[in-house]
Amino acid sequence: MRRLLKIGLAAFASMSSTSLVLAQAPATEDSVMVGSAGVTRLEDDLKSTMSLVPKGATHWKSLKDLLDAFTAGVDPAKPIRVDLMAGTADDFRMWVPITNHKAFQSDNVQPIVLKPAKKLLADFYEWKGPGWVLGGYERFFPKMTTSVLATQRALVPATLTDPNPGLNTLLAKDADLALLVSNTSAGSKARRERIQKVRKDLAAKIKRLADEDENGFELRKLSHEQQFDEAERFYSESEKLGLTWTLDTAKKEAHLDLTLKALAGTSLEATIKELAAEPSAFTPVVASKDTTGFARVNHAIDAMRKAHLKQFVELIKKQSNTRIANSKTIKDAHKASYTQAANQFLDLLSGGLDMGVIDGFVQTEKAGDRQTILGALRVPDGKGLVAVFESLKGAEWKVQTNVETVGDLSVHVITVPQRDDGDFAHLFDKDGTLVVATGPNVVWYAAGERAADRLKEAAAKNATAEKPKDGVFFEVWGNMSPWMQYLLDRRARLTVDEKSLTAEDKAMRKTKEGLLKTAVEAFKPGDATLHMKLERKDNEVFGRTTLSEGMLRFGGQKMVDFATKLE
């Protein structure tokens, strides 16, 4: 139970996606609190989600019976609270509202422990036994009708008070599940030391996998190192991190909200202040009736992230040179040109990081049996990309540079070579045509129906459009239905040598195909969208990820599948 609880909390805390505002006095010590709206809310949400699926409600009883086995004696109408103890890796305290303490002990806890509780004092117990994975102590508070379980005796003193005031604040606005991490400046050094210890322990465990080549291992190792740099800064320099999950059964949608505030005077605070401090060079992208997806970013890059990205690009450059040289599918006569083009392109990326911002957008739309794509990226000098095109000519790419000039843009037409998977042709253009326009500080690109016209129209409109300073530094929206259908069709289109696959590979392919089929079926009625937006307001970060009815329908189908196995 301990391991499951820790994994669940860690998974919840790792999600990124606005609106958890706590009217509390500043924290005097580090703390982590998780709150659940209670068993009744959980059951309502699960039943509602399953009911989105045809005949889903008929399978609810099987899942309800399973939940009942784990909630004996628990008051279903009241919230549950968990405190993770700051400064330790394993200690926590759980507050459980009780209707029947005897039933809670005998029908809920004891079946896990396999032995009755040892009574130490009035309403104070020790739980130990061969099946006890939580370990520790329990104190029952009759006046609060609450049982408190903890890993250490000192965590359940008789002086504990009602946990609900803090819970009511945490679970405001009908939240189903919420987490709040509150840190102090005084604890920053200790937090940094703790995560450095974890970092050292985990780094020692990063080994090359049996099926991993040296390039893959080198890239994975660097990625882990950089992620820990980010984690260390967030962990040691955050003042408040809040995450809230809310399922709106009336609207048939769910939200995951985030708020982040840094401690004053830290590098994290300085980094947050830079996010979207200047307006994007591009008009904000919005969804139309034909839009299948869009993303926009206006993310400032501080010194640490700039160094990380440059290091990453240099490693990619080194590995791409090796892969090209050792490739058995690239003609020997083309390898020098591919190497030169790759190096030129990666050098452009690295040089672009000196701008201190990643600013661009991409949008896809449905057009007949294919998609269109349109995007742009701010760069130091778009003309540098022309040299990459010229190098690709040496690899027998069909490239037409400087086809026409539109304002300060030079238009180029590239025919993308067909790969074995044929994805570009099947997605955008059967002939592989990609239109690119380069300017003094921008690169535009488009493919699909009316690619050149759409590019020029968008660039002209953007040149005179107002660029709002809206604080948004990342946003992504997607209609998942056409993409899941494409992936399912792709599996049928591409042949795989089954004889070369291991039993594990075959099982994995079957699982993925099953998930795709479930998703396609769940998304058929429509409204299968995902939307994430991250923005800075003053010196805080807020985010919201919204899952529409179709996404919940997919979850409901998986619940039905699980419940069916219980029957």
Protein backbone atom coordinates (compact mmCIF):
# COMPACT_ATOMS: atom_id res chain seq x y z
CA MET A 1 0.00 0.00 0.00
CA ARG A 2 2.83 2.39 0.82
CA ARG A 3 4.47 1.87 -2.56
CA LEU A 4 1.17 2.27 -4.42
CA LEU A 5 0.39 5.45 -2.53
CA LYS A 6 3.82 6.94 -3.21
CA ILE A 7 3.68 6.03 -6.90
CA GLY A 8 0.21 7.50 -7.24
CA LEU A 9 1.13 10.75 -5.53
CA ALA A 10 4.34 11.05 -7.55
CA ALA A 11 2.44 10.51 -10.79
CA PHE A 12 -0.14 13.14 -9.85
CA ALA A 13 2.52 15.64 -8.81
CA SER A 14 4.42 15.15 -12.08
CA MET A 15 1.48 16.31 -14.26
CA SER A 16 1.83 19.76 -15.76
CA SER A 17 -1.12 21.75 -16.52
CA THR A 18 -4.78 27.14 -13.29
CA SER A 19 -6.67 28.21 -10.56
CA LEU A 20 -5.72 26.73 -7.20
CA VAL A 21 -5.60 29.90 -5.10
CA LEU A 22 -5.21 29.37 -1.38
CA ALA A 23 -6.19 32.13 1.03
CA GLN A 24 -3.67 31.09 3.65
CA ALA A 25 -0.95 32.82 5.62
CA PRO A 26 2.59 32.23 4.35
CA ALA A 27 3.88 28.79 5.35
CA THR A 28 6.24 28.66 8.29
CA GLU A 29 7.72 25.30 7.30
CA ASP A 30 7.82 23.03 4.27
CA SER A 31 4.69 20.96 3.78
CA VAL A 32 2.92 18.74 1.26
CA MET A 33 -0.82 18.11 1.51
CA VAL A 34 -3.02 15.98 -0.75
CA GLY A 35 -6.79 16.11 -0.50
CA SER A 36 -9.54 13.94 -2.00
CA ALA A 37 -13.18 15.06 -2.05
CA GLY A 38 -14.14 11.64 -0.73
CA VAL A 39 -15.51 8.27 -1.73
CA THR A 40 -18.93 9.49 -2.86
CA ARG A 41 -17.41 12.02 -5.24
CA LEU A 42 -15.02 9.40 -6.58
CA GLU A 43 -17.88 6.97 -7.18
CA ASP A 44 -20.01 9.66 -8.86
CA ASP A 45 -17.14 10.55 -11.17
CA LEU A 46 -16.36 6.96 -12.10
CA LYS A 47 -20.01 6.09 -12.69
CA SER A 48 -20.55 9.23 -14.75
CA THR A 49 -17.48 8.51 -16.88
CA MET A 50 -18.50 4.89 -17.47
CA SER A 51 -22.02 6.04 -18.40
CA LEU A 52 -20.57 7.89 -21.41
CA VAL A 53 -19.98 4.48 -22.98
CA PRO A 54 -22.88 2.42 -24.42
CA LYS A 55 -23.99 -0.08 -21.73
CA GLY A 56 -21.26 1.31 -19.47
CA ALA A 57 -23.65 1.89 -16.59
CA THR A 58 -24.50 -1.82 -16.53
CA HIS A 59 -20.91 -2.65 -15.58
CA TRP A 60 -20.73 -0.07 -12.78
CA LYS A 61 -21.78 -2.52 -10.07
CA SER A 62 -18.64 -4.64 -10.57
CA LEU A 63 -16.39 -1.64 -10.00
CA LYS A 64 -18.57 -0.41 -7.12
CA ASP A 65 -18.24 -3.77 -5.36
CA LEU A 66 -14.45 -3.53 -5.65
CA LEU A 67 -14.42 -0.01 -4.16
CA ASP A 68 -16.67 -1.11 -1.30
CA ALA A 69 -14.08 -3.71 -0.31
CA PHE A 70 -11.54 -0.93 0.30
CA THR A 71 -13.84 1.61 1.96
CA ALA A 72 -15.50 -0.35 4.76
CA GLY A 73 -16.23 1.91 7.74
CA VAL A 74 -15.19 5.05 5.84
CA ASP A 75 -17.53 8.04 5.74
CA PRO A 76 -18.08 8.41 1.97
CA ALA A 77 -19.37 11.98 2.15
CA LYS A 78 -16.29 13.51 3.79
CA PRO A 79 -12.89 14.35 2.29
CA ILE A 80 -9.68 12.40 2.89
CA ARG A 81 -6.34 14.05 3.57
CA VAL A 82 -2.74 12.87 3.25
CA ASP A 83 0.27 14.78 4.62
CA LEU A 84 3.65 13.88 3.17
CA MET A 85 6.31 14.65 5.74
CA ALA A 86 8.82 17.21 4.52
CA GLY A 87 12.40 16.04 4.82
CA THR A 88 11.73 12.32 4.62
CA ALA A 89 11.32 9.86 1.79
CA ASP A 90 8.73 7.51 3.30
CA ASP A 91 6.83 9.11 6.18
CA PHE A 92 3.27 10.28 5.75
CA ARG A 93 0.02 10.70 7.67
CA MET A 94 -3.46 9.86 6.36
CA TRP A 95 -6.68 11.30 7.80
CA VAL A 96 -9.71 9.05 7.14
CA PRO A 97 -13.30 10.09 8.09
CA ILE A 98 -15.03 7.20 9.89
CA THR A 99 -18.65 6.05 10.27
CA ASN A 100 -17.82 2.74 11.95
CA HIS A 101 -14.36 2.42 13.48
CA LYS A 102 -14.74 -1.28 14.25
CA ALA A 103 -15.67 -2.04 10.64
CA PHE A 104 -12.82 0.15 9.41
CA GLN A 105 -10.32 -1.89 11.41
CA SER A 106 -11.75 -5.37 10.91
CA ASP A 107 -13.05 -5.15 7.32
CA ASN A 108 -10.65 -2.62 5.79
CA VAL A 109 -7.22 -2.53 7.44
CA GLN A 110 -6.98 -6.01 9.00
CA PRO A 111 -7.43 -7.93 5.69
CA ILE A 112 -4.30 -6.15 4.47
CA VAL A 113 -2.33 -6.55 7.70
CA LEU A 114 -3.47 -10.15 8.29
CA LYS A 115 -3.34 -9.61 12.07
CA PRO A 116 -5.53 -7.62 14.49
CA ALA A 117 -4.34 -4.26 15.74
CA LYS A 118 -2.39 -4.07 18.98
CA LYS A 119 -4.07 -1.60 21.33
CA LEU A 120 -1.46 0.59 23.06
CA LEU A 121 -3.70 3.22 24.67
CA ALA A 122 -7.33 4.26 24.48
CA ASP A 123 -8.12 4.70 20.78
CA PHE A 124 -4.41 4.28 19.91
CA TYR A 125 -3.17 1.24 17.99
CA GLU A 126 -0.11 -0.31 16.39
CA TRP A 127 -0.47 -2.28 13.17
CA LYS A 128 2.13 -4.91 12.34
CA GLY A 129 1.90 -8.21 10.55
CA PRO A 130 3.11 -10.26 7.57
CA GLY A 131 0.83 -8.40 5.20
CA TRP A 132 1.49 -4.90 6.56
CA VAL A 133 3.10 -2.76 3.89
CA LEU A 134 2.10 0.60 5.34
CA GLY A 135 3.42 -0.06 8.81
CA GLY A 136 2.98 2.18 11.79
CA TYR A 137 0.26 3.53 14.01
CA GLU A 138 -3.37 4.60 14.15
CA ARG A 139 -5.19 6.98 16.47
CA PHE A 140 -8.98 7.25 16.41
CA PHE A 141 -10.54 10.61 17.35
CA PRO A 142 -14.21 9.95 18.31
CA LYS A 143 -15.14 13.64 18.49
CA MET A 144 -13.80 14.22 14.96
CA THR A 145 -14.99 10.76 13.82
CA THR A 146 -11.61 10.53 12.13
CA SER A 147 -8.93 7.87 12.14
CA VAL A 148 -5.35 8.98 11.53
CA LEU A 149 -2.80 6.50 10.18
CA ALA A 150 0.90 7.32 10.15
CA THR A 151 4.27 5.69 9.63
CA GLN A 152 5.72 7.07 12.89
CA ARG A 153 4.20 7.26 16.37
CA ALA A 154 5.20 10.89 16.77
CA LEU A 155 3.05 11.81 13.77
CA VAL A 156 -0.22 10.91 15.54
CA PRO A 157 -0.21 12.79 18.85
CA ALA A 158 -3.46 13.20 20.78
CA THR A 159 -3.25 16.95 20.15
CA LEU A 160 -4.06 16.69 16.42
CA THR A 161 -6.93 18.96 15.38
CA ASP A 162 -9.65 18.82 12.74
CA PRO A 163 -8.07 18.54 9.27
CA ASN A 164 -11.12 19.86 7.42
CA PRO A 165 -10.42 23.64 7.45
CA GLY A 166 -7.28 23.15 5.39
CA LEU A 167 -9.02 20.57 3.25
CA ASN A 168 -11.97 22.83 2.51
CA THR A 169 -9.58 25.47 1.21
CA LEU A 170 -7.57 22.97 -0.79
CA LEU A 171 -10.66 21.42 -2.37
CA ALA A 172 -12.45 24.68 -3.13
CA LYS A 173 -14.35 25.08 -6.42
CA ASP A 174 -15.59 21.48 -6.43
CA ALA A 175 -12.16 19.95 -6.88
CA ASP A 176 -12.00 16.16 -6.81
CA LEU A 177 -8.31 15.85 -5.98
CA ALA A 178 -5.72 18.47 -5.10
CA LEU A 179 -2.11 18.75 -4.06
CA LEU A 180 -0.33 21.69 -2.46
CA VAL A 181 3.41 21.92 -1.90
CA SER A 182 4.42 24.84 0.33
CA ASN A 183 8.12 25.63 0.81
CA THR A 184 10.07 28.17 2.84
CA SER A 185 13.33 29.96 2.14
CA ALA A 186 14.78 28.46 5.32
CA GLY A 187 14.30 24.95 3.96
CA SER A 188 15.84 25.61 0.55
CA LYS A 189 19.31 24.32 1.43
CA ALA A 190 17.95 21.12 2.97
CA ARG A 191 15.72 20.50 -0.05
CA ARG A 192 18.65 20.96 -2.40
CA GLU A 193 20.75 18.52 -0.38
CA ARG A 194 17.95 15.95 -0.39
CA ILE A 195 17.43 16.03 -4.12
CA GLN A 196 21.17 15.92 -4.76
CA LYS A 197 21.33 12.72 -2.75
CA VAL A 198 18.45 11.27 -4.78
CA ARG A 199 20.17 12.44 -7.94
CA LYS A 200 23.39 10.69 -6.99
CA ASP A 201 21.56 7.46 -6.16
CA LEU A 202 19.58 7.43 -9.38
CA ALA A 203 22.55 8.44 -11.55
CA ALA A 204 24.38 5.35 -10.35
CA LYS A 205 21.50 3.23 -11.60
CA ILE A 206 21.47 4.63 -15.15
CA LYS A 207 22.97 1.79 -17.16
CA ARG A 208 22.97 1.01 -20.83
CA LEU A 209 20.00 -1.18 -21.74
CA ALA A 210 20.43 -4.52 -23.50
CA ASP A 211 18.78 -3.29 -26.72
CA GLU A 212 20.22 0.26 -26.56
CA ASP A 213 23.13 1.46 -28.70
CA GLU A 214 25.80 3.81 -27.39
CA ASN A 215 24.20 6.85 -29.04
CA GLY A 216 20.84 6.16 -27.43
CA PHE A 217 22.40 5.63 -24.02
CA GLU A 218 24.45 8.82 -24.28
CA LEU A 219 21.36 10.83 -25.21
CA ARG A 220 19.25 9.29 -22.43
CA LYS A 221 21.96 9.93 -19.84
CA LEU A 222 22.26 13.60 -20.84
CA SER A 223 18.47 13.95 -20.75
CA HIS A 224 18.37 12.57 -17.17
CA GLU A 225 21.12 14.95 -16.05
CA GLN A 226 19.36 17.98 -17.48
CA GLN A 227 15.99 16.93 -16.06
CA PHE A 228 17.56 16.72 -12.62
CA ASP A 229 18.97 20.23 -12.99
CA GLU A 230 15.43 21.42 -13.67
CA ALA A 231 13.96 19.31 -10.86
CA GLU A 232 16.52 20.57 -8.36
CA ARG A 233 15.69 24.18 -9.14
CA PHE A 234 11.93 23.65 -8.96
CA TYR A 235 12.18 21.59 -5.77
CA SER A 236 14.52 23.93 -3.91
CA GLU A 237 13.27 27.32 -5.19
CA SER A 238 9.47 26.92 -5.41
CA GLU A 239 7.40 28.64 -2.74
CA LYS A 240 4.11 27.08 -3.79
CA LEU A 241 3.07 24.42 -6.26
CA GLY A 242 -0.60 23.55 -6.56
CA LEU A 243 -2.31 20.91 -8.71
CA THR A 244 -6.07 20.40 -8.87
CA TRP A 245 -8.12 17.79 -10.73
CA THR A 246 -11.81 18.52 -11.34
CA LEU A 247 -14.31 16.42 -13.27
CA ASP A 248 -17.35 18.47 -14.28
CA THR A 249 -20.07 15.87 -14.81
CA ALA A 250 -22.58 18.49 -16.02
CA LYS A 251 -20.28 19.79 -18.77
CA LYS A 252 -18.77 16.33 -19.33
CA GLU A 253 -15.21 17.62 -19.22
CA ALA A 254 -12.26 17.54 -16.84
CA HIS A 255 -9.60 20.07 -15.85
CA LEU A 256 -6.12 19.73 -14.42
CA ASP A 257 -5.09 23.11 -13.01
CA LEU A 258 -1.65 24.25 -11.94
CA THR A 259 -0.21 27.21 -10.11
CA LEU A 260 3.46 27.84 -9.40
CA LYS A 261 5.11 30.60 -7.41
CA ALA A 262 8.84 30.88 -6.79
CA LEU A 263 10.59 32.02 -3.64
CA ALA A 264 11.60 35.67 -3.82
CA GLY A 265 15.11 36.39 -5.06
CA THR A 266 15.69 32.97 -6.64
CA SER A 267 16.76 32.15 -10.18
CA LEU A 268 13.40 30.41 -10.65
CA GLU A 269 11.60 33.67 -9.89
CA ALA A 270 13.80 35.50 -12.39
CA THR A 271 13.06 32.86 -15.01
CA ILE A 272 9.29 33.12 -14.45
CA LYS A 273 9.42 36.92 -14.83
CA GLU A 274 10.94 36.47 -18.30
CA LEU A 275 8.19 34.16 -19.61
CA ALA A 276 6.19 35.89 -22.36
CA ALA A 277 7.49 39.24 -21.06
CA GLU A 278 7.55 40.36 -24.69
CA PRO A 279 4.72 39.65 -27.16
CA SER A 280 5.13 36.88 -29.69
CA ALA A 281 6.05 37.83 -33.24
CA PHE A 282 2.97 35.94 -34.40
CA THR A 283 -0.77 36.43 -34.06
CA PRO A 284 -2.24 33.97 -31.52
CA VAL A 285 -3.48 30.76 -33.16
CA VAL A 286 -7.10 29.70 -32.65
CA ALA A 287 -9.02 26.61 -33.69
CA SER A 288 -11.43 26.67 -36.64
CA LYS A 289 -13.97 24.02 -37.68
CA ASP A 290 -11.27 22.34 -39.80
CA THR A 291 -8.39 22.58 -37.30
CA THR A 292 -7.02 19.24 -36.14
CA GLY A 293 -4.25 20.68 -34.00
CA PHE A 294 -2.18 23.73 -33.17
CA ALA A 295 0.62 24.73 -30.85
CA ARG A 296 2.25 28.04 -30.04
CA VAL A 297 5.22 28.87 -27.86
CA ASN A 298 6.78 32.12 -26.66
CA HIS A 299 9.19 30.77 -24.07
CA ALA A 300 12.13 32.80 -22.80
CA ILE A 301 15.33 30.78 -22.34
CA ASP A 302 17.48 31.58 -19.32
CA ALA A 303 21.20 30.84 -19.07
CA MET A 304 20.77 27.32 -17.65
CA ARG A 305 18.28 26.21 -20.27
CA LYS A 306 20.30 27.80 -23.06
CA ALA A 307 23.35 25.83 -21.96
CA HIS A 308 21.26 22.66 -21.73
CA LEU A 309 19.80 23.07 -25.21
CA LYS A 310 23.15 23.87 -26.79
CA GLN A 311 24.68 20.81 -25.15
CA PHE A 312 21.78 18.72 -26.44
CA VAL A 313 22.12 20.07 -29.99
CA GLU A 314 25.85 19.36 -30.01
CA LEU A 315 25.23 15.76 -28.96
CA ILE A 316 22.58 15.36 -31.68
CA LYS A 317 25.06 16.80 -34.18
CA LYS A 318 27.73 14.32 -33.15
CA GLN A 319 25.31 11.41 -33.31
CA SER A 320 23.77 12.43 -36.65
CA ASN A 321 27.22 12.53 -38.24
CA THR A 322 27.89 9.02 -36.95
CA ARG A 323 24.54 7.68 -38.10
CA ILE A 324 24.89 9.16 -41.58
CA ALA A 325 28.40 7.77 -41.94
CA ASN A 326 27.27 4.28 -40.86
CA SER A 327 23.94 4.28 -42.69
CA LYS A 328 23.27 1.42 -45.09
CA THR A 329 20.27 3.14 -46.68
CA ILE A 330 21.97 6.43 -47.63
CA LYS A 331 24.06 6.25 -50.78
CA ASP A 332 27.79 6.80 -50.17
CA ALA A 333 27.75 9.58 -52.75
CA HIS A 334 25.11 11.43 -50.73
CA LYS A 335 26.61 11.10 -47.25
CA ALA A 336 28.82 14.20 -47.44
CA SER A 337 25.88 16.35 -48.53
CA TYR A 338 23.60 14.98 -45.79
CA THR A 339 26.31 15.54 -43.18
CA GLN A 340 26.86 19.11 -44.33
CA ALA A 341 23.12 19.87 -44.38
CA ALA A 342 22.63 18.36 -40.91
CA ASN A 343 25.53 20.32 -39.44
CA GLN A 344 24.36 23.57 -41.03
CA PHE A 345 20.81 23.07 -39.75
CA LEU A 346 21.91 22.18 -36.21
CA ASP A 347 24.31 25.13 -36.14
CA LEU A 348 21.37 27.36 -37.05
CA LEU A 349 19.36 25.91 -34.17
CA SER A 350 22.23 26.43 -31.75
CA GLY A 351 22.77 30.00 -32.94
CA GLY A 352 19.07 30.72 -32.64
CA LEU A 353 19.21 29.94 -28.91
CA ASP A 354 21.28 33.10 -28.45
CA MET A 355 18.09 35.04 -29.14
CA GLY A 356 17.02 33.96 -25.66
CA VAL A 357 13.52 32.92 -26.75
CA ILE A 358 11.71 30.17 -28.64
CA ASP A 359 8.86 31.86 -30.51
CA GLY A 360 6.71 30.13 -33.12
CA PHE A 361 3.55 28.26 -33.97
CA VAL A 362 2.24 25.35 -36.03
CA GLN A 363 -1.30 24.52 -37.15
CA THR A 364 -2.83 21.56 -38.98
CA GLU A 365 -6.23 21.40 -40.65
CA LYS A 366 -8.31 18.76 -42.38
CA ALA A 367 -8.50 19.13 -46.18
CA GLY A 368 -10.18 16.27 -48.03
CA ASP A 369 -8.43 12.99 -47.30
CA ARG A 370 -5.26 14.74 -46.07
CA GLN A 371 -4.10 17.45 -43.69
CA THR A 372 -2.54 20.84 -44.27
CA ILE A 373 0.22 22.27 -42.13
CA LEU A 374 1.28 25.88 -41.63
CA GLY A 375 3.83 27.26 -39.20
CA ALA A 376 6.49 29.84 -38.51
CA LEU A 377 9.49 30.32 -36.25
CA ARG A 378 11.40 33.42 -35.22
CA VAL A 379 15.11 33.08 -36.09
CA PRO A 380 18.18 35.36 -36.12
CA ASP A 381 18.36 35.24 -39.94
CA GLY A 382 16.15 33.00 -42.07
CA LYS A 383 18.53 33.23 -45.01
CA GLY A 384 20.86 30.78 -43.27
CA LEU A 385 18.38 28.02 -44.09
CA VAL A 386 18.98 28.50 -47.83
CA ALA A 387 22.49 27.08 -47.42
CA VAL A 388 20.93 23.90 -45.97
CA PHE A 389 18.72 23.59 -49.05
CA GLU A 390 21.72 24.01 -51.34
CA SER A 391 23.55 21.22 -49.50
CA LEU A 392 20.55 18.90 -49.91
CA LYS A 393 20.78 19.33 -53.67
CA GLY A 394 24.00 17.31 -53.46
CA ALA A 395 21.92 14.42 -52.06
CA GLU A 396 19.64 14.65 -55.13
CA TRP A 397 16.85 16.45 -53.32
CA LYS A 398 14.62 18.42 -55.65
CA VAL A 399 15.02 21.98 -54.35
CA GLN A 400 13.99 25.24 -55.98
CA THR A 401 15.42 28.21 -54.09
CA ASN A 402 14.28 31.84 -54.43
CA VAL A 403 11.27 30.93 -56.59
CA GLU A 404 9.68 34.30 -55.83
CA THR A 405 9.95 37.24 -53.46
CA VAL A 406 7.00 38.42 -51.38
CA GLY A 407 7.82 41.52 -49.36
CA ASP A 408 10.97 40.66 -47.43
CA LEU A 409 10.38 36.92 -47.80
CA SER A 410 12.08 34.61 -50.28
CA VAL A 411 9.98 31.57 -51.24
CA HIS A 412 11.54 28.13 -51.79
CA VAL A 413 9.96 24.83 -52.89
CA ILE A 414 11.33 21.50 -51.64
CA THR A 415 10.23 18.03 -52.62
CA VAL A 416 10.59 15.84 -49.53
CA PRO A 417 11.94 12.37 -50.50
CA GLN A 418 9.49 9.53 -49.88
CA ARG A 419 10.51 7.37 -46.92
CA ASP A 420 9.43 3.78 -46.47
CA ASP A 421 6.60 4.83 -44.15
CA GLY A 422 5.31 7.42 -46.64
CA ASP A 423 3.98 9.56 -43.79
CA PHE A 424 4.56 12.98 -45.37
CA ALA A 425 2.79 11.97 -48.59
CA HIS A 426 -0.12 10.33 -46.79
CA LEU A 427 -0.53 13.21 -44.35
CA PHE A 428 0.06 16.32 -46.43
CA ASP A 429 0.99 16.06 -50.11
CA LYS A 430 1.23 13.01 -52.38
CA ASP A 431 4.11 14.64 -54.27
CA GLY A 432 5.99 15.57 -51.08
CA THR A 433 5.90 19.32 -51.74
CA LEU A 434 6.99 21.60 -48.88
CA VAL A 435 6.94 25.38 -49.29
CA VAL A 436 9.36 27.44 -47.17
CA ALA A 437 9.73 31.23 -46.98
CA THR A 438 12.76 32.82 -45.33
CA GLY A 439 13.08 36.40 -44.11
CA PRO A 440 15.43 38.52 -42.02
CA ASN A 441 14.09 37.15 -38.69
CA VAL A 442 11.62 34.44 -39.63
CA VAL A 443 11.03 31.12 -41.36
CA TRP A 444 7.55 30.21 -42.61
CA TYR A 445 6.59 26.75 -43.90
CA ALA A 446 3.49 25.06 -45.33
CA ALA A 447 2.42 21.83 -46.99
CA GLY A 448 -0.82 20.41 -48.32
CA GLU A 449 -3.63 21.99 -50.30
CA ARG A 450 -2.84 25.55 -51.49
CA ALA A 451 0.39 25.51 -49.47
CA ALA A 452 2.07 28.48 -51.16
CA ASP A 453 -1.08 30.63 -51.16
CA ARG A 454 -1.88 29.86 -47.53
CA LEU A 455 1.69 30.68 -46.49
CA LYS A 456 1.72 34.03 -48.27
CA GLU A 457 -1.75 34.96 -46.99
CA ALA A 458 -0.82 34.12 -43.40
CA ALA A 459 2.50 35.99 -43.57
CA ALA A 460 0.85 39.09 -45.04
CA LYS A 461 -1.92 39.06 -42.43
CA ASN A 462 0.55 38.53 -39.60
CA ALA A 463 2.69 41.47 -40.73
CA THR A 464 -0.07 43.98 -39.91
CA ALA A 465 -1.93 42.12 -37.14
CA GLU A 466 -1.79 43.24 -33.51
CA LYS A 467 0.50 41.10 -31.36
CA PRO A 468 -1.08 40.98 -27.89
CA LYS A 469 1.04 40.67 -24.77
CA ASP A 470 -1.19 37.98 -23.29
CA GLY A 471 1.31 36.24 -21.00
CA VAL A 472 0.82 32.85 -22.70
CA PHE A 473 4.15 31.07 -23.14
CA PHE A 474 2.83 27.66 -24.23
CA GLU A 475 -0.44 26.43 -25.67
CA VAL A 476 -1.46 23.27 -27.49
CA TRP A 477 -4.84 22.12 -28.76
CA GLY A 478 -5.69 18.93 -30.58
CA ASN A 479 -8.65 17.08 -32.00
CA MET A 480 -7.49 13.56 -31.28
CA SER A 481 -10.00 11.70 -33.47
CA PRO A 482 -8.36 12.12 -36.91
CA TRP A 483 -4.89 11.49 -35.50
CA MET A 484 -5.87 8.22 -33.80
CA GLN A 485 -7.60 7.09 -37.01
CA TYR A 486 -4.47 7.95 -39.00
CA LEU A 487 -2.26 5.93 -36.64
CA LEU A 488 -4.62 2.95 -36.85
CA ASP A 489 -4.69 3.14 -40.66
CA ARG A 490 -0.92 3.45 -40.68
CA ARG A 491 -0.55 0.18 -38.82
CA ALA A 492 -2.61 -1.54 -41.51
CA ARG A 493 -0.63 0.16 -44.28
CA LEU A 494 2.86 -0.72 -43.05
CA THR A 495 4.02 -4.32 -43.11
CA VAL A 496 6.00 -5.78 -40.22
CA ASP A 497 8.09 -8.92 -40.28
CA GLU A 498 6.35 -10.87 -37.50
CA LYS A 499 9.11 -13.49 -37.53
CA SER A 500 11.66 -10.89 -36.41
CA LEU A 501 9.61 -9.87 -33.38
CA THR A 502 10.01 -11.31 -29.91
CA ALA A 503 7.01 -12.48 -27.92
CA GLU A 504 7.28 -9.31 -25.86
CA ASP A 505 7.31 -7.16 -29.02
CA LYS A 506 4.22 -8.95 -30.35
CA ALA A 507 2.39 -8.46 -27.06
CA MET A 508 3.28 -4.77 -27.05
CA ARG A 509 2.06 -4.33 -30.64
CA LYS A 510 -1.21 -6.03 -29.76
CA THR A 511 -1.68 -3.77 -26.73
CA LYS A 512 -1.00 -0.61 -28.78
CA GLU A 513 -3.38 -1.71 -31.51
CA GLY A 514 -6.07 -2.40 -28.92
CA LEU A 515 -5.64 1.08 -27.42
CA LEU A 516 -5.87 2.68 -30.87
CA LYS A 517 -9.04 0.78 -31.72
CA THR A 518 -10.60 1.77 -28.38
CA ALA A 519 -9.64 5.40 -28.93
CA VAL A 520 -11.02 5.50 -32.49
CA GLU A 521 -14.32 4.01 -31.34
CA ALA A 522 -14.54 6.35 -28.31
CA PHE A 523 -13.80 9.41 -30.43
CA LYS A 524 -16.29 8.65 -33.23
CA PRO A 525 -19.19 10.63 -31.66
CA GLY A 526 -16.90 13.69 -31.68
CA ASP A 527 -15.63 16.25 -29.18
CA ALA A 528 -12.37 14.41 -28.57
CA THR A 529 -10.18 17.40 -27.82
CA LEU A 530 -7.29 18.16 -25.47
CA HIS A 531 -6.30 21.74 -24.65
CA MET A 532 -3.37 22.90 -22.53
CA LYS A 533 -2.44 26.51 -21.83
CA LEU A 534 0.39 27.83 -19.63
CA GLU A 535 0.65 31.53 -18.87
CA ARG A 536 2.39 33.97 -16.58
CA LYS A 537 0.39 36.44 -14.50
CA ASP A 538 2.64 38.83 -12.62
CA ASN A 539 5.27 36.51 -11.14
CA GLU A 540 3.23 33.30 -11.03
CA VAL A 541 2.61 30.55 -13.54
CA PHE A 542 -0.90 29.24 -14.14
CA GLY A 543 -1.92 26.39 -16.36
CA ARG A 544 -5.02 24.50 -17.36
CA THR A 545 -5.36 21.24 -19.25
CA THR A 546 -8.90 20.45 -20.40
CA LEU A 547 -10.11 17.01 -21.48
CA SER A 548 -13.36 17.00 -23.45
CA GLU A 549 -16.20 14.46 -23.39
CA GLY A 550 -14.58 12.26 -26.03
CA MET A 551 -11.40 11.95 -23.98
CA LEU A 552 -13.45 10.99 -20.93
CA ARG A 553 -15.35 8.49 -23.07
CA PHE A 554 -12.05 6.77 -23.83
CA GLY A 555 -11.34 6.57 -20.09
CA GLY A 556 -14.85 5.27 -19.50
CA GLN A 557 -14.33 2.48 -22.02
CA LYS A 558 -11.11 1.38 -20.32
CA MET A 559 -12.97 1.32 -16.98
CA VAL A 560 -15.66 -0.85 -18.56
CA ASP A 561 -12.98 -3.19 -19.90
CA PHE A 562 -11.52 -3.47 -16.40
CA ALA A 563 -14.92 -3.99 -14.77
CA THR A 564 -15.76 -6.70 -17.30
CA LYS A 565 -12.72 -8.67 -16.19
CA LEU A 566 -14.03 -8.56 -12.63
CA GLU A 567 -17.35 -10.10 -13.63
